[in-house]
Protein backbone atom coordinates (compact mmCIF):
# COMPACT_ATOMS: atom_id res chain seq x y z
CA MET A 1 91.84 0.67 -19.47
CA THR A 2 91.19 0.01 -15.81
CA SER A 3 94.43 1.63 -14.63
CA HIS A 4 93.08 5.11 -15.38
CA PRO A 5 91.68 6.66 -12.15
CA ASN A 6 88.45 7.78 -13.81
CA ARG A 7 87.68 4.28 -15.02
CA SER A 8 88.37 2.36 -11.86
CA ARG A 9 85.54 0.20 -10.59
CA ARG A 10 86.88 0.42 -7.02
CA LYS A 11 84.46 2.39 -4.85
CA ASP A 12 87.37 4.04 -3.01
CA ALA A 13 89.18 5.14 -6.18
CA PRO A 14 90.20 8.83 -6.15
CA ALA A 15 87.79 9.65 -8.98
CA ALA A 16 85.34 6.77 -8.90
CA ASN A 17 82.34 6.76 -11.20
CA PRO A 18 78.98 7.05 -9.40
CA THR A 19 76.85 3.91 -9.30
CA ALA A 20 73.19 3.55 -10.25
CA ALA A 21 72.42 3.47 -6.52
CA ASP A 22 74.29 6.78 -6.06
CA TRP A 23 72.03 8.47 -8.63
CA GLN A 24 68.86 7.04 -7.10
CA ALA A 25 69.95 7.95 -3.57
CA LEU A 26 70.66 11.52 -4.68
CA ARG A 27 67.18 11.88 -6.12
CA ASP A 28 65.63 10.31 -3.01
CA ARG A 29 67.51 12.68 -0.69
CA HIS A 30 66.14 15.66 -2.59
CA GLY A 31 62.69 14.23 -3.37
CA LEU A 32 63.13 14.63 -7.13
CA SER A 33 61.95 12.65 -10.13
CA GLN A 34 64.34 11.96 -12.99
CA SER A 35 62.78 14.77 -14.96
CA ASP A 36 62.99 17.21 -12.01
CA LEU A 37 66.69 16.42 -11.60
CA ALA A 38 67.31 16.86 -15.34
CA GLN A 39 65.58 20.26 -15.20
CA ARG A 40 67.96 21.38 -12.44
CA LEU A 41 70.97 20.11 -14.38
CA ARG A 42 69.94 21.37 -17.79
CA ALA A 43 72.74 23.97 -17.97
CA GLY A 44 75.31 21.18 -17.60
CA GLY A 45 73.79 19.16 -20.43
CA VAL A 46 72.47 16.33 -18.22
CA THR A 47 69.27 15.04 -19.82
CA VAL A 48 66.46 12.81 -18.55
CA ARG A 49 67.70 10.06 -20.86
CA ALA A 50 71.22 10.35 -19.43
CA ILE A 51 69.88 10.05 -15.87
CA GLN A 52 67.83 7.01 -16.90
CA ALA A 53 70.92 5.41 -18.45
CA TYR A 54 72.99 6.09 -15.33
CA GLU A 55 70.31 4.61 -13.06
CA GLN A 56 69.89 1.51 -15.24
CA ASN A 57 73.65 0.87 -15.53
CA GLU A 58 73.50 1.41 -19.30
CA ARG A 59 76.37 3.88 -19.02
CA ARG A 60 78.61 5.36 -16.37
CA ALA A 61 78.83 9.04 -15.59
CA HIS A 62 82.26 10.63 -15.67
CA PRO A 63 83.39 11.69 -12.18
CA ALA A 64 83.41 15.34 -13.31
CA ILE A 65 79.70 15.08 -14.20
CA TRP A 66 78.99 13.60 -10.77
CA LEU A 67 80.94 16.40 -9.09
CA TYR A 68 78.93 18.96 -11.09
CA VAL A 69 75.68 17.27 -10.02
CA LEU A 70 76.69 17.24 -6.35
CA ALA A 71 77.68 20.91 -6.54
CA GLN A 72 74.39 21.88 -8.20
CA MET A 73 72.49 20.02 -5.49
CA GLY A 74 74.45 21.76 -2.72
CA GLU A 75 76.11 18.60 -1.48
CA VAL A 76 79.65 19.75 -2.22
CA ARG A 77 81.23 23.17 -2.60
CA LEU A 78 83.55 24.00 -5.47
CA PRO A 79 86.40 24.49 -5.94
CA LEU A 80 87.73 21.46 -4.13
CA THR A 81 91.17 21.91 -2.63
């Protein structure tokens, strides 16, 4: 179902899924391990195993999860308008 905006593989899609490199770059920018990041995101239900799966391309994070992560890390302010 590639026509759905949340499932597009285009990097410039309106609601593109984050890549493995996006997850790793986020952790690098903040100097966090996978477990440190999971601790910060615990309230949103993001686990260490989920972060590992995202970084190893075993599964893709929904754009809403990525937006939550960016907001929790102070990289984006919600609500977006």
